[in-house]
């Protein structure tokens, strides 16, 4: 029986802008000879000649936020409280508190590449796409949205590309037991440039981060800056996206991967 792994993550790199410039990560590379002085300091009495070929170890220094690269947002990122819909309004969980079972579940892909940049997807759009791919949502399904933004990674318009998921569409998923979603765009919501324009035109401040803020009513996580969603079918695969364990963090970096394996799909849910 074959097992196929599909990488759903972007690179963490200096050259390609995947965030607004003030938020861009910065990587400083150290070659094997650059760290010789560090090793010599840690192992007194040694000299450069003691190391094979005069080399110590390669390493990298990285300055970034927990939202750099492909990452998983915790409910705490969206708001300080969650689950108000159930009358609980409890403190939002941080990334180190996210249940691990949320992060390894069957995946579903919604193909929204035909929607224009800045469009805000609705519950009806989600329902129509689920009908098209022939899938009925199950609790804990990981639902990922394939937008046009995925094709713009590496281009200057990446941050402003793709549609977003509005409050209504997000709640449609959460009310059916979904607790982890994702997008190949910079944000789960529509790009800020489009949101700002709509607010200026309508005066409707409820449009601010409406998809994220759905977490106030039902706590959930979402992946941002996914990649290669075009390679996935509508369903019939698992997603692995365990986040880095940043204590009390609002997000954690992840190497998101889709796994196509009939044996996994045959496993009981729960």
C-alpha atoms as a PDB file:
ATOM      1  CA  UNK A   1       0.000   0.000   0.000  1.00  0.00           C
ATOM      2  CA  UNK A   2       1.461   3.380  -1.030  1.00  0.00           C
ATOM      3  CA  UNK A   3       1.596   6.504   1.064  1.00  0.00           C
ATOM      4  CA  UNK A   4       2.007   9.934  -0.514  1.00  0.00           C
ATOM      5  CA  UNK A   5       3.199  13.045   1.318  1.00  0.00           C
ATOM      6  CA  UNK A   6       2.317  16.466  -0.099  1.00  0.00           C
ATOM      7  CA  UNK A   7       4.132  19.481   1.311  1.00  0.00           C
ATOM      8  CA  UNK A   8       1.677  22.299   2.065  1.00  0.00           C
ATOM      9  CA  UNK A   9       4.189  24.770   3.512  1.00  0.00           C
ATOM     10  CA  UNK A  10       6.014  27.797   2.143  1.00  0.00           C
ATOM     11  CA  UNK A  11       9.691  28.481   2.726  1.00  0.00           C
ATOM     12  CA  UNK A  12      10.988  30.666   5.518  1.00  0.00           C
ATOM     13  CA  UNK A  13      13.382  32.834   3.517  1.00  0.00           C
ATOM     14  CA  UNK A  14      14.819  36.296   3.067  1.00  0.00           C
ATOM     15  CA  UNK A  15      14.362  36.850  -0.641  1.00  0.00           C
ATOM     16  CA  UNK A  16      10.639  36.194  -1.071  1.00  0.00           C
ATOM     17  CA  UNK A  17       8.235  38.604   0.621  1.00  0.00           C
ATOM     18  CA  UNK A  18       5.448  36.646   2.312  1.00  0.00           C
ATOM     19  CA  UNK A  19       4.518  39.385   4.817  1.00  0.00           C
ATOM     20  CA  UNK A  20       4.235  43.167   4.790  1.00  0.00           C
ATOM     21  CA  UNK A  21       7.843  44.451   4.949  1.00  0.00           C
ATOM     22  CA  UNK A  22       7.783  45.412   8.671  1.00  0.00           C
ATOM     23  CA  UNK A  23       6.823  41.815   9.547  1.00  0.00           C
ATOM     24  CA  UNK A  24       9.223  40.024   7.212  1.00  0.00           C
ATOM     25  CA  UNK A  25      11.546  37.432   8.776  1.00  0.00           C
ATOM     26  CA  UNK A  26      15.303  37.905   8.647  1.00  0.00           C
ATOM     27  CA  UNK A  27      17.694  34.958   8.488  1.00  0.00           C
ATOM     28  CA  UNK A  28      21.438  35.380   9.095  1.00  0.00           C
ATOM     29  CA  UNK A  29      23.422  32.371   7.895  1.00  0.00           C
ATOM     30  CA  UNK A  30      26.561  31.140   9.646  1.00  0.00           C
ATOM     31  CA  UNK A  31      28.895  28.856   7.701  1.00  0.00           C
ATOM     32  CA  UNK A  32      30.977  26.115   9.330  1.00  0.00           C
ATOM     33  CA  UNK A  33      33.979  28.389   9.776  1.00  0.00           C
ATOM     34  CA  UNK A  34      31.893  31.245  11.175  1.00  0.00           C
ATOM     35  CA  UNK A  35      31.152  29.336  14.373  1.00  0.00           C
ATOM     36  CA  UNK A  36      34.703  28.193  15.147  1.00  0.00           C
ATOM     37  CA  UNK A  37      35.156  30.889  17.793  1.00  0.00           C
ATOM     38  CA  UNK A  38      31.954  29.755  19.523  1.00  0.00           C
ATOM     39  CA  UNK A  39      33.157  26.147  19.728  1.00  0.00           C
ATOM     40  CA  UNK A  40      36.580  27.189  20.930  1.00  0.00           C
ATOM     41  CA  UNK A  41      34.942  29.238  23.692  1.00  0.00           C
ATOM     42  CA  UNK A  42      32.744  26.296  24.734  1.00  0.00           C
ATOM     43  CA  UNK A  43      35.606  23.775  24.659  1.00  0.00           C
ATOM     44  CA  UNK A  44      38.568  25.560  26.262  1.00  0.00           C
ATOM     45  CA  UNK A  45      41.999  24.483  25.103  1.00  0.00           C
ATOM     46  CA  UNK A  46      40.959  23.742  21.524  1.00  0.00           C
ATOM     47  CA  UNK A  47      42.131  25.621  18.475  1.00  0.00           C
ATOM     48  CA  UNK A  48      40.897  25.892  14.898  1.00  0.00           C
ATOM     49  CA  UNK A  49      43.379  23.191  13.885  1.00  0.00           C
ATOM     50  CA  UNK A  50      41.615  20.702  16.157  1.00  0.00           C
ATOM     51  CA  UNK A  51      38.466  20.743  14.035  1.00  0.00           C
ATOM     52  CA  UNK A  52      38.326  18.625  10.845  1.00  0.00           C
ATOM     53  CA  UNK A  53      39.028  20.855   7.849  1.00  0.00           C
ATOM     54  CA  UNK A  54      38.834  23.823  10.219  1.00  0.00           C
ATOM     55  CA  UNK A  55      35.059  23.568  10.321  1.00  0.00           C
ATOM     56  CA  UNK A  56      32.734  23.723  13.316  1.00  0.00           C
ATOM     57  CA  UNK A  57      28.972  23.802  12.595  1.00  0.00           C
ATOM     58  CA  UNK A  58      26.617  25.638  10.283  1.00  0.00           C
ATOM     59  CA  UNK A  59      23.800  27.547  11.962  1.00  0.00           C
ATOM     60  CA  UNK A  60      21.241  30.275  11.365  1.00  0.00           C
ATOM     61  CA  UNK A  61      20.050  33.204  13.457  1.00  0.00           C
ATOM     62  CA  UNK A  62      16.412  34.036  12.726  1.00  0.00           C
ATOM     63  CA  UNK A  63      14.399  37.108  13.657  1.00  0.00           C
ATOM     64  CA  UNK A  64      10.684  36.635  13.053  1.00  0.00           C
ATOM     65  CA  UNK A  65       7.245  36.541  14.622  1.00  0.00           C
ATOM     66  CA  UNK A  66       5.303  33.390  15.420  1.00  0.00           C
ATOM     67  CA  UNK A  67       3.212  34.306  12.372  1.00  0.00           C
ATOM     68  CA  UNK A  68       6.123  34.102   9.930  1.00  0.00           C
ATOM     69  CA  UNK A  69       6.003  31.405   7.292  1.00  0.00           C
ATOM     70  CA  UNK A  70       3.368  28.672   7.370  1.00  0.00           C
ATOM     71  CA  UNK A  71       1.959  28.724  10.878  1.00  0.00           C
ATOM     72  CA  UNK A  72      -1.000  27.759  13.035  1.00  0.00           C
ATOM     73  CA  UNK A  73      -2.905  30.525  14.815  1.00  0.00           C
ATOM     74  CA  UNK A  74      -4.298  29.785  18.262  1.00  0.00           C
ATOM     75  CA  UNK A  75      -7.662  31.165  19.455  1.00  0.00           C
ATOM     76  CA  UNK A  76      -5.684  33.541  21.678  1.00  0.00           C
ATOM     77  CA  UNK A  77      -4.441  35.345  18.563  1.00  0.00           C
ATOM     78  CA  UNK A  78      -7.974  36.307  17.566  1.00  0.00           C
ATOM     79  CA  UNK A  79      -9.310  37.468  20.933  1.00  0.00           C
ATOM     80  CA  UNK A  80      -8.685  37.111  24.664  1.00  0.00           C
ATOM     81  CA  UNK A  81     -11.875  35.067  25.168  1.00  0.00           C
ATOM     82  CA  UNK A  82     -13.629  32.325  23.208  1.00  0.00           C
ATOM     83  CA  UNK A  83     -16.750  30.120  23.191  1.00  0.00           C
ATOM     84  CA  UNK A  84     -19.190  32.931  23.975  1.00  0.00           C
ATOM     85  CA  UNK A  85     -21.788  31.213  21.779  1.00  0.00           C
ATOM     86  CA  UNK A  86     -22.133  28.497  24.420  1.00  0.00           C
ATOM     87  CA  UNK A  87     -22.400  31.065  27.176  1.00  0.00           C
ATOM     88  CA  UNK A  88     -18.968  30.209  28.533  1.00  0.00           C
ATOM     89  CA  UNK A  89     -16.770  33.111  27.343  1.00  0.00           C
ATOM     90  CA  UNK A  90     -13.679  31.445  28.720  1.00  0.00           C
ATOM     91  CA  UNK A  91     -10.073  32.491  28.309  1.00  0.00           C
ATOM     92  CA  UNK A  92      -8.778  31.692  24.835  1.00  0.00           C
ATOM     93  CA  UNK A  93      -6.277  28.865  24.621  1.00  0.00           C
ATOM     94  CA  UNK A  94      -2.734  29.625  23.511  1.00  0.00           C
ATOM     95  CA  UNK A  95      -0.777  27.614  20.966  1.00  0.00           C
ATOM     96  CA  UNK A  96       0.776  25.331  23.594  1.00  0.00           C
ATOM     97  CA  UNK A  97      -2.724  24.457  24.798  1.00  0.00           C
ATOM     98  CA  UNK A  98      -4.206  23.522  21.417  1.00  0.00           C
ATOM     99  CA  UNK A  99      -5.426  19.888  21.521  1.00  0.00           C
ATOM    100  CA  UNK A 100      -3.070  17.758  19.453  1.00  0.00           C
ATOM    101  CA  UNK A 101      -5.997  15.811  18.018  1.00  0.00           C
ATOM    102  CA  UNK A 102      -7.082  18.965  16.188  1.00  0.00           C
ATOM    103  CA  UNK A 103      -3.807  18.893  14.253  1.00  0.00           C
ATOM    104  CA  UNK A 104      -3.980  15.456  12.641  1.00  0.00           C
ATOM    105  CA  UNK A 105      -7.325  14.810  10.983  1.00  0.00           C
ATOM    106  CA  UNK A 106      -8.906  14.146   7.580  1.00  0.00           C
ATOM    107  CA  UNK A 107      -8.608  17.152   5.307  1.00  0.00           C
ATOM    108  CA  UNK A 108     -11.055  18.919   3.033  1.00  0.00           C
ATOM    109  CA  UNK A 109     -10.121  21.404   0.307  1.00  0.00           C
ATOM    110  CA  UNK A 110     -12.492  24.128  -0.861  1.00  0.00           C
ATOM    111  CA  UNK A 111     -11.492  25.452  -4.279  1.00  0.00           C
ATOM    112  CA  UNK A 112     -12.214  29.188  -4.195  1.00  0.00           C
ATOM    113  CA  UNK A 113      -9.638  30.229  -6.796  1.00  0.00           C
ATOM    114  CA  UNK A 114     -12.388  31.612  -9.021  1.00  0.00           C
ATOM    115  CA  UNK A 115     -13.351  34.288  -6.501  1.00  0.00           C
ATOM    116  CA  UNK A 116     -11.730  37.692  -7.055  1.00  0.00           C
ATOM    117  CA  UNK A 117      -9.170  39.162  -4.704  1.00  0.00           C
ATOM    118  CA  UNK A 118     -10.869  40.698  -1.677  1.00  0.00           C
ATOM    119  CA  UNK A 119     -14.062  38.685  -2.018  1.00  0.00           C
ATOM    120  CA  UNK A 120     -15.524  37.543   1.308  1.00  0.00           C
ATOM    121  CA  UNK A 121     -16.803  33.965   1.079  1.00  0.00           C
ATOM    122  CA  UNK A 122     -20.196  33.184   2.591  1.00  0.00           C
ATOM    123  CA  UNK A 123     -21.812  30.136   4.159  1.00  0.00           C
ATOM    124  CA  UNK A 124     -23.636  29.559   0.862  1.00  0.00           C
ATOM    125  CA  UNK A 125     -20.295  29.463  -0.963  1.00  0.00           C
ATOM    126  CA  UNK A 126     -18.995  26.844   1.466  1.00  0.00           C
ATOM    127  CA  UNK A 127     -22.149  24.780   1.200  1.00  0.00           C
ATOM    128  CA  UNK A 128     -22.081  24.884  -2.602  1.00  0.00           C
ATOM    129  CA  UNK A 129     -18.427  23.795  -2.746  1.00  0.00           C
ATOM    130  CA  UNK A 130     -19.002  20.923  -0.316  1.00  0.00           C
ATOM    131  CA  UNK A 131     -21.858  19.753  -2.524  1.00  0.00           C
ATOM    132  CA  UNK A 132     -19.646  20.001  -5.612  1.00  0.00           C
ATOM    133  CA  UNK A 133     -16.903  17.841  -4.118  1.00  0.00           C
ATOM    134  CA  UNK A 134     -19.430  15.457  -2.536  1.00  0.00           C
ATOM    135  CA  UNK A 135     -18.349  15.801   1.069  1.00  0.00           C
ATOM    136  CA  UNK A 136     -20.352  16.024   4.281  1.00  0.00           C
ATOM    137  CA  UNK A 137     -18.414  17.736   7.040  1.00  0.00           C
ATOM    138  CA  UNK A 138     -17.430  15.645  10.033  1.00  0.00           C
ATOM    139  CA  UNK A 139     -16.347  16.981  13.436  1.00  0.00           C
ATOM    140  CA  UNK A 140     -12.629  17.886  13.468  1.00  0.00           C
ATOM    141  CA  UNK A 141     -12.257  17.843   9.685  1.00  0.00           C
ATOM    142  CA  UNK A 142      -9.419  20.185   8.724  1.00  0.00           C
ATOM    143  CA  UNK A 143     -10.895  22.498   6.081  1.00  0.00           C
ATOM    144  CA  UNK A 144      -8.468  24.396   3.849  1.00  0.00           C
ATOM    145  CA  UNK A 145      -9.333  27.117   1.351  1.00  0.00           C
ATOM    146  CA  UNK A 146      -7.490  27.214  -1.971  1.00  0.00           C
ATOM    147  CA  UNK A 147      -7.476  30.847  -3.135  1.00  0.00           C
ATOM    148  CA  UNK A 148      -5.696  32.614  -5.968  1.00  0.00           C
ATOM    149  CA  UNK A 149      -3.071  33.725  -3.448  1.00  0.00           C
ATOM    150  CA  UNK A 150      -1.336  30.370  -3.628  1.00  0.00           C
ATOM    151  CA  UNK A 151      -0.271  31.099  -7.200  1.00  0.00           C
ATOM    152  CA  UNK A 152       1.084  34.524  -6.212  1.00  0.00           C
ATOM    153  CA  UNK A 153       3.604  33.364  -3.624  1.00  0.00           C
ATOM    154  CA  UNK A 154       6.937  34.817  -4.684  1.00  0.00           C
ATOM    155  CA  UNK A 155       5.279  37.842  -6.302  1.00  0.00           C
ATOM    156  CA  UNK A 156       4.862  41.331  -4.903  1.00  0.00           C
ATOM    157  CA  UNK A 157       1.072  41.078  -4.789  1.00  0.00           C
ATOM    158  CA  UNK A 158       0.942  37.938  -2.611  1.00  0.00           C
ATOM    159  CA  UNK A 159      -0.165  39.715   0.579  1.00  0.00           C
ATOM    160  CA  UNK A 160      -3.082  41.398  -1.201  1.00  0.00           C
ATOM    161  CA  UNK A 161      -4.161  38.350  -3.235  1.00  0.00           C
ATOM    162  CA  UNK A 162      -6.993  35.913  -2.654  1.00  0.00           C
ATOM    163  CA  UNK A 163     -10.446  35.856  -1.172  1.00  0.00           C
ATOM    164  CA  UNK A 164     -11.162  35.707   2.545  1.00  0.00           C
ATOM    165  CA  UNK A 165     -13.506  33.825   4.813  1.00  0.00           C
ATOM    166  CA  UNK A 166     -16.134  35.961   6.517  1.00  0.00           C
ATOM    167  CA  UNK A 167     -17.835  35.477   9.873  1.00  0.00           C
ATOM    168  CA  UNK A 168     -20.771  33.625   8.346  1.00  0.00           C
ATOM    169  CA  UNK A 169     -18.609  31.176   6.391  1.00  0.00           C
ATOM    170  CA  UNK A 170     -16.340  30.557   9.364  1.00  0.00           C
ATOM    171  CA  UNK A 171     -19.265  29.907  11.700  1.00  0.00           C
ATOM    172  CA  UNK A 172     -20.761  27.497   9.168  1.00  0.00           C
ATOM    173  CA  UNK A 173     -17.658  25.342   9.612  1.00  0.00           C
ATOM    174  CA  UNK A 174     -17.330  25.748  13.374  1.00  0.00           C
ATOM    175  CA  UNK A 175     -20.965  24.938  14.080  1.00  0.00           C
ATOM    176  CA  UNK A 176     -20.411  21.590  12.344  1.00  0.00           C
ATOM    177  CA  UNK A 177     -17.514  20.650  14.578  1.00  0.00           C
ATOM    178  CA  UNK A 178     -14.571  21.931  12.540  1.00  0.00           C
ATOM    179  CA  UNK A 179     -11.881  23.264  14.854  1.00  0.00           C
ATOM    180  CA  UNK A 180      -8.964  23.785  12.487  1.00  0.00           C
ATOM    181  CA  UNK A 181      -9.059  25.536   9.131  1.00  0.00           C
ATOM    182  CA  UNK A 182      -6.498  26.939   6.732  1.00  0.00           C
ATOM    183  CA  UNK A 183      -5.791  29.126   3.729  1.00  0.00           C
ATOM    184  CA  UNK A 184      -3.005  29.594   1.208  1.00  0.00           C
ATOM    185  CA  UNK A 185      -3.485  33.354   1.510  1.00  0.00           C
ATOM    186  CA  UNK A 186      -1.672  35.672   3.904  1.00  0.00           C
ATOM    187  CA  UNK A 187      -4.769  35.865   6.095  1.00  0.00           C
ATOM    188  CA  UNK A 188      -7.908  33.848   6.782  1.00  0.00           C
ATOM    189  CA  UNK A 189      -9.820  37.101   6.285  1.00  0.00           C
ATOM    190  CA  UNK A 190      -9.821  39.083   3.059  1.00  0.00           C
ATOM    191  CA  UNK A 191      -6.688  41.203   2.504  1.00  0.00           C
ATOM    192  CA  UNK A 192      -6.680  44.308   4.699  1.00  0.00           C
ATOM    193  CA  UNK A 193      -6.525  46.632   1.689  1.00  0.00           C
ATOM    194  CA  UNK A 194      -9.945  45.441   0.529  1.00  0.00           C
ATOM    195  CA  UNK A 195     -11.428  45.423   4.023  1.00  0.00           C
ATOM    196  CA  UNK A 196     -10.277  49.001   4.608  1.00  0.00           C
ATOM    197  CA  UNK A 197     -11.931  50.119   1.372  1.00  0.00           C
ATOM    198  CA  UNK A 198     -15.242  48.445   2.275  1.00  0.00           C
ATOM    199  CA  UNK A 199     -15.234  49.994   5.741  1.00  0.00           C
ATOM    200  CA  UNK A 200     -14.574  53.423   4.238  1.00  0.00           C
ATOM    201  CA  UNK A 201     -17.488  52.934   1.844  1.00  0.00           C
ATOM    202  CA  UNK A 202     -20.000  51.442   4.271  1.00  0.00           C
ATOM    203  CA  UNK A 203     -18.894  52.574   7.702  1.00  0.00           C
ATOM    204  CA  UNK A 204     -19.453  48.988   8.873  1.00  0.00           C
ATOM    205  CA  UNK A 205     -16.802  48.337  11.521  1.00  0.00           C
ATOM    206  CA  UNK A 206     -18.056  44.766  12.009  1.00  0.00           C
ATOM    207  CA  UNK A 207     -16.061  43.892   8.881  1.00  0.00           C
ATOM    208  CA  UNK A 208     -12.802  44.243  10.793  1.00  0.00           C
ATOM    209  CA  UNK A 209     -11.199  40.783  10.938  1.00  0.00           C
ATOM    210  CA  UNK A 210     -14.636  39.172  10.911  1.00  0.00           C
ATOM    211  CA  UNK A 211     -13.426  35.656  10.118  1.00  0.00           C
ATOM    212  CA  UNK A 212     -10.809  35.698  12.849  1.00  0.00           C
ATOM    213  CA  UNK A 213     -13.240  37.185  15.356  1.00  0.00           C
ATOM    214  CA  UNK A 214     -15.593  34.222  14.896  1.00  0.00           C
ATOM    215  CA  UNK A 215     -13.257  32.631  17.426  1.00  0.00           C
ATOM    216  CA  UNK A 216     -14.912  34.775  20.097  1.00  0.00           C
ATOM    217  CA  UNK A 217     -18.033  32.671  19.640  1.00  0.00           C
ATOM    218  CA  UNK A 218     -16.431  29.263  19.016  1.00  0.00           C
ATOM    219  CA  UNK A 219     -12.728  28.779  19.637  1.00  0.00           C
ATOM    220  CA  UNK A 220     -10.779  27.459  16.657  1.00  0.00           C
ATOM    221  CA  UNK A 221      -7.371  27.503  14.968  1.00  0.00           C
ATOM    222  CA  UNK A 222      -6.373  28.272  11.442  1.00  0.00           C
ATOM    223  CA  UNK A 223      -3.358  27.766   9.246  1.00  0.00           C
ATOM    224  CA  UNK A 224      -2.128  30.678   7.167  1.00  0.00           C
ATOM    225  CA  UNK A 225       0.279  30.837   4.231  1.00  0.00           C
ATOM    226  CA  UNK A 226      -0.265  27.266   3.126  1.00  0.00           C
ATOM    227  CA  UNK A 227       0.985  26.290  -0.324  1.00  0.00           C
ATOM    228  CA  UNK A 228       0.456  23.709  -3.054  1.00  0.00           C
ATOM    229  CA  UNK A 229      -3.237  23.181  -2.259  1.00  0.00           C
ATOM    230  CA  UNK A 230      -3.786  22.758  -6.001  1.00  0.00           C
ATOM    231  CA  UNK A 231      -2.185  19.320  -5.672  1.00  0.00           C
ATOM    232  CA  UNK A 232      -4.939  18.100  -3.345  1.00  0.00           C
ATOM    233  CA  UNK A 233      -8.285  16.493  -4.167  1.00  0.00           C
ATOM    234  CA  UNK A 234     -11.414  17.850  -2.492  1.00  0.00           C
ATOM    235  CA  UNK A 235     -11.118  15.200   0.232  1.00  0.00           C
ATOM    236  CA  UNK A 236      -9.591  11.775   0.821  1.00  0.00           C
ATOM    237  CA  UNK A 237      -6.403  12.726   2.646  1.00  0.00           C
ATOM    238  CA  UNK A 238      -5.129  13.499   6.140  1.00  0.00           C
ATOM    239  CA  UNK A 239      -3.454  16.719   7.273  1.00  0.00           C
ATOM    240  CA  UNK A 240      -0.628  16.908   9.804  1.00  0.00           C
ATOM    241  CA  UNK A 241       0.065  20.406  11.157  1.00  0.00           C
ATOM    242  CA  UNK A 242       1.424  20.192  14.699  1.00  0.00           C
ATOM    243  CA  UNK A 243       2.608  23.645  15.820  1.00  0.00           C
ATOM    244  CA  UNK A 244       5.839  24.507  17.572  1.00  0.00           C
ATOM    245  CA  UNK A 245       5.275  24.586  21.335  1.00  0.00           C
ATOM    246  CA  UNK A 246       5.685  28.299  22.043  1.00  0.00           C
ATOM    247  CA  UNK A 247       4.722  28.827  25.662  1.00  0.00           C
ATOM    248  CA  UNK A 248       1.678  31.126  25.921  1.00  0.00           C
ATOM    249  CA  UNK A 249       2.088  31.949  22.224  1.00  0.00           C
ATOM    250  CA  UNK A 250      -0.543  33.238  19.825  1.00  0.00           C
ATOM    251  CA  UNK A 251       0.776  31.013  17.035  1.00  0.00           C
ATOM    252  CA  UNK A 252       3.358  28.374  16.210  1.00  0.00           C
ATOM    253  CA  UNK A 253       5.288  27.512  13.078  1.00  0.00           C
ATOM    254  CA  UNK A 254       4.358  24.236  11.397  1.00  0.00           C
ATOM    255  CA  UNK A 255       5.468  22.060   8.499  1.00  0.00           C
ATOM    256  CA  UNK A 256       1.962  21.356   7.211  1.00  0.00           C
ATOM    257  CA  UNK A 257       1.765  18.129   5.212  1.00  0.00           C
ATOM    258  CA  UNK A 258      -1.063  16.265   3.502  1.00  0.00           C
ATOM    259  CA  UNK A 259      -0.932  12.471   3.640  1.00  0.00           C
ATOM    260  CA  UNK A 260      -2.777  10.353   1.107  1.00  0.00           C
ATOM    261  CA  UNK A 261      -3.109   6.859   2.539  1.00  0.00           C
ATOM    262  CA  UNK A 262      -6.128   4.549   2.368  1.00  0.00           C
ATOM    263  CA  UNK A 263      -5.115   2.869   5.625  1.00  0.00           C
ATOM    264  CA  UNK A 264      -5.269   6.173   7.477  1.00  0.00           C
ATOM    265  CA  UNK A 265      -8.650   7.012   6.009  1.00  0.00           C
ATOM    266  CA  UNK A 266      -9.986   3.646   7.152  1.00  0.00           C
ATOM    267  CA  UNK A 267      -9.170   4.419  10.773  1.00  0.00           C
ATOM    268  CA  UNK A 268     -12.140   5.176  13.055  1.00  0.00           C
ATOM    269  CA  UNK A 269     -12.725   8.849  13.832  1.00  0.00           C
ATOM    270  CA  UNK A 270     -12.404  10.099  17.363  1.00  0.00           C
END
